[in-house]
All heavy atoms as atom14 arrays in JSON, in Angstrom:
{
  "sequence": "LTRWLPEPAERSTYVLASSLALILLFALWRPLGGV",
  "atom14_mask": [
    [1, 1, 1, 1, 1, 1, 1, 1, 0, 0, 0, 0, 0, 0],
    [1, 1, 1, 1, 1, 1, 1, 0, 0, 0, 0, 0, 0, 0],
    [1, 1, 1, 1, 1, 1, 1, 1, 1, 1, 1, 0, 0, 0],
    [1, 1, 1, 1, 1, 1, 1, 1, 1, 1, 1, 1, 1, 1],
    [1, 1, 1, 1, 1, 1, 1, 1, 0, 0, 0, 0, 0, 0],
    [1, 1, 1, 1, 1, 1, 1, 0, 0, 0, 0, 0, 0, 0],
    [1, 1, 1, 1, 1, 1, 1, 1, 1, 0, 0, 0, 0, 0],
    [1, 1, 1, 1, 1, 1, 1, 0, 0, 0, 0, 0, 0, 0],
    [1, 1, 1, 1, 1, 0, 0, 0, 0, 0, 0, 0, 0, 0],
    [1, 1, 1, 1, 1, 1, 1, 1, 1, 0, 0, 0, 0, 0],
    [1, 1, 1, 1, 1, 1, 1, 1, 1, 1, 1, 0, 0, 0],
    [1, 1, 1, 1, 1, 1, 0, 0, 0, 0, 0, 0, 0, 0],
    [1, 1, 1, 1, 1, 1, 1, 0, 0, 0, 0, 0, 0, 0],
    [1, 1, 1, 1, 1, 1, 1, 1, 1, 1, 1, 1, 0, 0],
    [1, 1, 1, 1, 1, 1, 1, 0, 0, 0, 0, 0, 0, 0],
    [1, 1, 1, 1, 1, 1, 1, 1, 0, 0, 0, 0, 0, 0],
    [1, 1, 1, 1, 1, 0, 0, 0, 0, 0, 0, 0, 0, 0],
    [1, 1, 1, 1, 1, 1, 0, 0, 0, 0, 0, 0, 0, 0],
    [1, 1, 1, 1, 1, 1, 0, 0, 0, 0, 0, 0, 0, 0],
    [1, 1, 1, 1, 1, 1, 1, 1, 0, 0, 0, 0, 0, 0],
    [1, 1, 1, 1, 1, 0, 0, 0, 0, 0, 0, 0, 0, 0],
    [1, 1, 1, 1, 1, 1, 1, 1, 0, 0, 0, 0, 0, 0],
    [1, 1, 1, 1, 1, 1, 1, 1, 0, 0, 0, 0, 0, 0],
    [1, 1, 1, 1, 1, 1, 1, 1, 0, 0, 0, 0, 0, 0],
    [1, 1, 1, 1, 1, 1, 1, 1, 0, 0, 0, 0, 0, 0],
    [1, 1, 1, 1, 1, 1, 1, 1, 1, 1, 1, 0, 0, 0],
    [1, 1, 1, 1, 1, 0, 0, 0, 0, 0, 0, 0, 0, 0],
    [1, 1, 1, 1, 1, 1, 1, 1, 0, 0, 0, 0, 0, 0],
    [1, 1, 1, 1, 1, 1, 1, 1, 1, 1, 1, 1, 1, 1],
    [1, 1, 1, 1, 1, 1, 1, 1, 1, 1, 1, 0, 0, 0],
    [1, 1, 1, 1, 1, 1, 1, 0, 0, 0, 0, 0, 0, 0],
    [1, 1, 1, 1, 1, 1, 1, 1, 0, 0, 0, 0, 0, 0],
    [1, 1, 1, 1, 0, 0, 0, 0, 0, 0, 0, 0, 0, 0],
    [1, 1, 1, 1, 0, 0, 0, 0, 0, 0, 0, 0, 0, 0],
    [1, 1, 1, 1, 1, 1, 1, 0, 0, 0, 0, 0, 0, 0]
  ],
  "atom14_positions": [
    [[7.59, 10.21, -10.71], [8.26, 9.69, -9.47], [9.7, 9.65, -9.62], [10.43, 10.04, -8.69], [7.61, 8.34, -9.12], [8.12, 7.7, -7.8], [7.69, 8.58, -6.65], [7.62, 6.33, -7.63], [0.0, 0.0, 0.0], [0.0, 0.0, 0.0], [0.0, 0.0, 0.0], [0.0, 0.0, 0.0], [0.0, 0.0, 0.0], [0.0, 0.0, 0.0]],
    [[10.17, 9.1, -10.76], [11.64, 8.99, -10.91], [12.35, 10.23, -11.3], [13.58, 10.15, -11.54], [11.89, 7.92, -12.0], [11.17, 8.24, -13.22], [11.42, 6.49, -11.47], [0.0, 0.0, 0.0], [0.0, 0.0, 0.0], [0.0, 0.0, 0.0], [0.0, 0.0, 0.0], [0.0, 0.0, 0.0], [0.0, 0.0, 0.0], [0.0, 0.0, 0.0]],
    [[11.67, 11.31, -11.34], [12.41, 12.62, -11.52], [13.14, 12.98, -10.2], [14.13, 13.7, -10.25], [11.4, 13.72, -11.74], [10.73, 13.71, -13.15], [9.68, 14.7, -13.29], [8.99, 14.5, -14.61], [7.85, 15.23, -14.95], [7.32, 16.09, -14.11], [7.3, 15.0, -16.1], [0.0, 0.0, 0.0], [0.0, 0.0, 0.0], [0.0, 0.0, 0.0]],
    [[12.67, 12.42, -9.05], [13.37, 12.71, -7.8], [13.76, 11.47, -7.06], [14.5, 11.53, -5.99], [12.52, 13.65, -6.95], [11.08, 12.96, -6.54], [10.03, 13.1, -7.3], [10.8, 12.21, -5.4], [8.97, 12.39, -6.64], [9.48, 11.88, -5.47], [11.56, 11.74, -4.32], [8.89, 11.1, -4.52], [10.92, 11.0, -3.38], [9.62, 10.66, -3.44]],
    [[13.33, 10.31, -7.61], [13.75, 9.04, -6.91], [14.46, 8.2, -7.9], [14.1, 8.14, -9.07], [12.49, 8.3, -6.51], [12.64, 7.01, -5.66], [12.98, 7.4, -4.28], [11.25, 6.25, -5.66], [0.0, 0.0, 0.0], [0.0, 0.0, 0.0], [0.0, 0.0, 0.0], [0.0, 0.0, 0.0], [0.0, 0.0, 0.0], [0.0, 0.0, 0.0]],
    [[15.59, 7.58, -7.54], [16.3, 6.64, -8.51], [15.35, 5.66, -9.14], [14.51, 5.03, -8.46], [17.36, 6.02, -7.62], [17.62, 6.97, -6.48], [16.27, 7.58, -6.27], [0.0, 0.0, 0.0], [0.0, 0.0, 0.0], [0.0, 0.0, 0.0], [0.0, 0.0, 0.0], [0.0, 0.0, 0.0], [0.0, 0.0, 0.0], [0.0, 0.0, 0.0]],
    [[15.51, 5.49, -10.39], [14.58, 4.56, -11.1], [14.56, 3.1, -10.48], [13.5, 2.5, -10.41], [14.96, 4.46, -12.61], [13.95, 3.76, -13.43], [14.16, 3.9, -14.88], [14.87, 4.83, -15.37], [13.66, 3.13, -15.65], [0.0, 0.0, 0.0], [0.0, 0.0, 0.0], [0.0, 0.0, 0.0], [0.0, 0.0, 0.0], [0.0, 0.0, 0.0]],
    [[15.69, 2.56, -10.04], [15.62, 1.26, -9.47], [14.78, 1.15, -8.23], [14.38, 0.04, -7.81], [17.13, 0.91, -9.2], [17.9, 1.78, -10.12], [17.13, 3.05, -10.19], [0.0, 0.0, 0.0], [0.0, 0.0, 0.0], [0.0, 0.0, 0.0], [0.0, 0.0, 0.0], [0.0, 0.0, 0.0], [0.0, 0.0, 0.0], [0.0, 0.0, 0.0]],
    [[14.51, 2.31, -7.68], [13.79, 2.25, -6.34], [12.25, 2.44, -6.64], [11.42, 2.28, -5.75], [14.13, 3.4, -5.43], [0.0, 0.0, 0.0], [0.0, 0.0, 0.0], [0.0, 0.0, 0.0], [0.0, 0.0, 0.0], [0.0, 0.0, 0.0], [0.0, 0.0, 0.0], [0.0, 0.0, 0.0], [0.0, 0.0, 0.0], [0.0, 0.0, 0.0]],
    [[11.85, 2.57, -7.91], [10.45, 2.92, -8.24], [9.58, 1.68, -7.82], [8.55, 1.78, -7.18], [10.36, 3.23, -9.71], [8.87, 3.51, -10.16], [8.16, 2.17, -10.56], [8.79, 1.4, -11.24], [7.01, 2.04, -10.24], [0.0, 0.0, 0.0], [0.0, 0.0, 0.0], [0.0, 0.0, 0.0], [0.0, 0.0, 0.0], [0.0, 0.0, 0.0]],
    [[10.0, 0.4, -8.26], [9.14, -0.75, -8.1], [9.05, -1.03, -6.52], [7.95, -1.35, -6.03], [9.76, -1.94, -8.75], [8.82, -3.17, -8.68], [7.55, -2.93, -9.46], [6.56, -3.95, -9.3], [5.43, -4.08, -9.83], [4.99, -2.97, -10.53], [4.56, -5.01, -9.61], [0.0, 0.0, 0.0], [0.0, 0.0, 0.0], [0.0, 0.0, 0.0]],
    [[10.16, -0.83, -5.8], [10.02, -1.03, -4.31], [9.11, -0.04, -3.63], [8.47, -0.41, -2.76], [11.45, -0.95, -3.78], [12.32, -2.05, -4.24], [0.0, 0.0, 0.0], [0.0, 0.0, 0.0], [0.0, 0.0, 0.0], [0.0, 0.0, 0.0], [0.0, 0.0, 0.0], [0.0, 0.0, 0.0], [0.0, 0.0, 0.0], [0.0, 0.0, 0.0]],
    [[9.16, 1.15, -4.2], [8.28, 2.2, -3.56], [6.83, 1.92, -3.84], [6.01, 2.1, -2.95], [8.55, 3.59, -4.23], [9.97, 3.95, -3.98], [7.72, 4.67, -3.64], [0.0, 0.0, 0.0], [0.0, 0.0, 0.0], [0.0, 0.0, 0.0], [0.0, 0.0, 0.0], [0.0, 0.0, 0.0], [0.0, 0.0, 0.0], [0.0, 0.0, 0.0]],
    [[6.52, 1.32, -5.06], [5.21, 0.84, -5.37], [4.79, -0.3, -4.41], [3.64, -0.28, -3.83], [5.15, 0.42, -6.91], [3.9, -0.26, -7.29], [2.77, 0.53, -7.6], [3.71, -1.63, -7.35], [1.62, -0.03, -8.08], [2.49, -2.17, -7.75], [1.47, -1.36, -8.16], [0.32, -1.99, -8.52], [0.0, 0.0, 0.0], [0.0, 0.0, 0.0]],
    [[5.68, -1.26, -4.22], [5.37, -2.42, -3.38], [4.99, -1.95, -1.98], [4.17, -2.41, -1.25], [6.54, -3.4, -3.37], [6.41, -4.48, -2.36], [6.61, -4.07, -4.73], [0.0, 0.0, 0.0], [0.0, 0.0, 0.0], [0.0, 0.0, 0.0], [0.0, 0.0, 0.0], [0.0, 0.0, 0.0], [0.0, 0.0, 0.0], [0.0, 0.0, 0.0]],
    [[5.96, -1.03, -1.45], [5.75, -0.47, -0.11], [4.39, 0.25, 0.02], [3.72, 0.09, 0.98], [6.87, 0.54, 0.27], [6.86, 1.24, 1.62], [6.9, 0.27, 2.72], [8.1, 2.2, 1.78], [0.0, 0.0, 0.0], [0.0, 0.0, 0.0], [0.0, 0.0, 0.0], [0.0, 0.0, 0.0], [0.0, 0.0, 0.0], [0.0, 0.0, 0.0]],
    [[4.02, 1.11, -0.87], [2.77, 1.9, -0.9], [1.66, 0.87, -0.87], [0.63, 1.11, -0.15], [2.78, 2.85, -1.99], [0.0, 0.0, 0.0], [0.0, 0.0, 0.0], [0.0, 0.0, 0.0], [0.0, 0.0, 0.0], [0.0, 0.0, 0.0], [0.0, 0.0, 0.0], [0.0, 0.0, 0.0], [0.0, 0.0, 0.0], [0.0, 0.0, 0.0]],
    [[1.73, -0.17, -1.72], [0.57, -1.12, -1.71], [0.44, -1.9, -0.41], [-0.65, -2.09, 0.08], [0.91, -2.23, -2.92], [0.92, -1.56, -4.1], [0.0, 0.0, 0.0], [0.0, 0.0, 0.0], [0.0, 0.0, 0.0], [0.0, 0.0, 0.0], [0.0, 0.0, 0.0], [0.0, 0.0, 0.0], [0.0, 0.0, 0.0], [0.0, 0.0, 0.0]],
    [[1.56, -2.26, 0.19], [1.49, -2.88, 1.46], [0.95, -2.04, 2.5], [0.09, -2.46, 3.33], [2.97, -3.27, 1.9], [3.49, -4.3, 0.92], [0.0, 0.0, 0.0], [0.0, 0.0, 0.0], [0.0, 0.0, 0.0], [0.0, 0.0, 0.0], [0.0, 0.0, 0.0], [0.0, 0.0, 0.0], [0.0, 0.0, 0.0], [0.0, 0.0, 0.0]],
    [[1.35, -0.75, 2.56], [0.73, 0.18, 3.51], [-0.66, 0.42, 3.34], [-1.47, 0.48, 4.42], [1.55, 1.48, 3.45], [2.98, 1.5, 3.91], [3.72, 2.88, 3.69], [3.2, 1.07, 5.33], [0.0, 0.0, 0.0], [0.0, 0.0, 0.0], [0.0, 0.0, 0.0], [0.0, 0.0, 0.0], [0.0, 0.0, 0.0], [0.0, 0.0, 0.0]],
    [[-1.13, 0.46, 2.1], [-2.6, 0.58, 1.84], [-3.37, -0.6, 2.35], [-4.45, -0.53, 2.97], [-2.88, 0.81, 0.37], [0.0, 0.0, 0.0], [0.0, 0.0, 0.0], [0.0, 0.0, 0.0], [0.0, 0.0, 0.0], [0.0, 0.0, 0.0], [0.0, 0.0, 0.0], [0.0, 0.0, 0.0], [0.0, 0.0, 0.0], [0.0, 0.0, 0.0]],
    [[-2.75, -1.83, 2.24], [-3.37, -3.05, 2.78], [-3.38, -3.07, 4.25], [-4.4, -3.46, 4.95], [-2.7, -4.29, 2.23], [-3.06, -4.63, 0.71], [-2.18, -5.91, 0.27], [-4.58, -4.98, 0.62], [0.0, 0.0, 0.0], [0.0, 0.0, 0.0], [0.0, 0.0, 0.0], [0.0, 0.0, 0.0], [0.0, 0.0, 0.0], [0.0, 0.0, 0.0]],
    [[-2.26, -2.6, 4.89], [-2.18, -2.53, 6.36], [-3.24, -1.66, 6.91], [-3.88, -1.93, 7.92], [-0.8, -2.18, 6.78], [0.27, -3.17, 6.47], [-0.74, -1.81, 8.3], [1.69, -2.85, 6.65], [0.0, 0.0, 0.0], [0.0, 0.0, 0.0], [0.0, 0.0, 0.0], [0.0, 0.0, 0.0], [0.0, 0.0, 0.0], [0.0, 0.0, 0.0]],
    [[-3.46, -0.53, 6.26], [-4.52, 0.4, 6.62], [-5.84, -0.32, 6.57], [-6.75, -0.09, 7.46], [-4.43, 1.64, 5.8], [-5.37, 2.79, 6.15], [-5.12, 3.35, 7.62], [-5.39, 3.92, 5.15], [0.0, 0.0, 0.0], [0.0, 0.0, 0.0], [0.0, 0.0, 0.0], [0.0, 0.0, 0.0], [0.0, 0.0, 0.0], [0.0, 0.0, 0.0]],
    [[-6.08, -0.99, 5.53], [-7.34, -1.73, 5.3], [-7.53, -2.68, 6.46], [-8.61, -2.83, 7.02], [-7.36, -2.39, 3.93], [-8.67, -3.14, 3.53], [-8.8, -3.05, 2.03], [-8.68, -4.61, 4.03], [0.0, 0.0, 0.0], [0.0, 0.0, 0.0], [0.0, 0.0, 0.0], [0.0, 0.0, 0.0], [0.0, 0.0, 0.0], [0.0, 0.0, 0.0]],
    [[-6.52, -3.56, 6.74], [-6.61, -4.48, 7.85], [-6.99, -3.81, 9.17], [-7.77, -4.3, 9.97], [-5.37, -5.23, 8.02], [-4.86, -6.04, 6.83], [-3.52, -6.17, 6.61], [-5.75, -6.48, 5.9], [-3.14, -6.94, 5.52], [-5.38, -7.24, 4.78], [-4.01, -7.5, 4.58], [0.0, 0.0, 0.0], [0.0, 0.0, 0.0], [0.0, 0.0, 0.0]],
    [[-6.4, -2.71, 9.45], [-6.48, -2.0, 10.74], [-7.88, -1.36, 10.81], [-8.57, -1.35, 11.91], [-5.44, -0.94, 10.96], [0.0, 0.0, 0.0], [0.0, 0.0, 0.0], [0.0, 0.0, 0.0], [0.0, 0.0, 0.0], [0.0, 0.0, 0.0], [0.0, 0.0, 0.0], [0.0, 0.0, 0.0], [0.0, 0.0, 0.0], [0.0, 0.0, 0.0]],
    [[-8.46, -0.8, 9.77], [-9.7, -0.02, 9.86], [-10.92, -0.8, 9.43], [-11.99, -0.22, 9.36], [-9.49, 1.32, 9.16], [-8.42, 2.23, 9.56], [-8.39, 3.39, 8.77], [-8.53, 2.54, 11.07], [0.0, 0.0, 0.0], [0.0, 0.0, 0.0], [0.0, 0.0, 0.0], [0.0, 0.0, 0.0], [0.0, 0.0, 0.0], [0.0, 0.0, 0.0]],
    [[-10.78, -2.03, 8.92], [-11.83, -2.79, 8.36], [-13.05, -2.89, 9.27], [-12.82, -3.11, 10.49], [-11.28, -4.09, 7.92], [-12.47, -4.96, 7.19], [-13.14, -5.96, 7.74], [-12.75, -4.84, 5.84], [-14.0, -6.52, 6.78], [-13.85, -5.84, 5.66], [-12.52, -3.95, 4.81], [-14.51, -5.94, 4.42], [-13.12, -4.06, 3.65], [-14.19, -5.02, 3.31]],
    [[-14.24, -2.73, 8.82], [-15.34, -2.87, 9.63], [-16.3, -4.01, 9.16], [-16.96, -3.94, 8.07], [-16.32, -1.59, 9.48], [-15.55, -0.34, 9.92], [-15.53, -0.18, 11.43], [-15.02, 1.15, 11.83], [-15.75, 2.19, 12.11], [-17.03, 2.04, 11.94], [-15.27, 3.29, 12.49], [0.0, 0.0, 0.0], [0.0, 0.0, 0.0], [0.0, 0.0, 0.0]],
    [[-16.28, -5.14, 9.85], [-17.18, -6.25, 9.49], [-18.6, -5.85, 9.54], [-19.07, -5.07, 10.24], [-16.85, -7.32, 10.57], [-15.46, -7.01, 11.02], [-15.39, -5.44, 10.97], [0.0, 0.0, 0.0], [0.0, 0.0, 0.0], [0.0, 0.0, 0.0], [0.0, 0.0, 0.0], [0.0, 0.0, 0.0], [0.0, 0.0, 0.0], [0.0, 0.0, 0.0]],
    [[-19.44, -6.57, 8.65], [-20.83, -6.16, 8.48], [-21.79, -7.09, 9.2], [-22.94, -6.74, 9.41], [-21.22, -6.14, 6.99], [-20.26, -5.24, 6.1], [-20.67, -5.48, 4.55], [-20.39, -3.78, 6.44], [0.0, 0.0, 0.0], [0.0, 0.0, 0.0], [0.0, 0.0, 0.0], [0.0, 0.0, 0.0], [0.0, 0.0, 0.0], [0.0, 0.0, 0.0]],
    [[-21.37, -8.36, 9.42], [-22.3, -9.38, 10.04], [-23.07, -9.96, 9.02], [-23.17, -9.62, 7.91], [0.0, 0.0, 0.0], [0.0, 0.0, 0.0], [0.0, 0.0, 0.0], [0.0, 0.0, 0.0], [0.0, 0.0, 0.0], [0.0, 0.0, 0.0], [0.0, 0.0, 0.0], [0.0, 0.0, 0.0], [0.0, 0.0, 0.0], [0.0, 0.0, 0.0]],
    [[-23.89, -10.98, 9.47], [-24.82, -11.72, 8.65], [-24.07, -12.9, 7.79], [-23.0, -12.77, 7.39], [0.0, 0.0, 0.0], [0.0, 0.0, 0.0], [0.0, 0.0, 0.0], [0.0, 0.0, 0.0], [0.0, 0.0, 0.0], [0.0, 0.0, 0.0], [0.0, 0.0, 0.0], [0.0, 0.0, 0.0], [0.0, 0.0, 0.0], [0.0, 0.0, 0.0]],
    [[-24.95, -13.92, 7.48], [-24.42, -15.13, 6.76], [-25.26, -15.21, 5.48], [-26.47, -15.29, 5.56], [-24.52, -16.36, 7.6], [-24.08, -17.58, 6.8], [-23.64, -16.22, 8.86], [0.0, 0.0, 0.0], [0.0, 0.0, 0.0], [0.0, 0.0, 0.0], [0.0, 0.0, 0.0], [0.0, 0.0, 0.0], [0.0, 0.0, 0.0], [0.0, 0.0, 0.0]]
  ]
}
C-alpha cells in the first residue's frame, strides 16, 4: 500500500476502510428473528 500512498496515511486508510465495511454491514444487515 505504501508504495503509492505516503506511509503516514496508511493507518488512516485502514481506519477508513474498516469504518466503510461496518457501514455496509449496518446498511445491509438482515435480522433473523426469534428469541
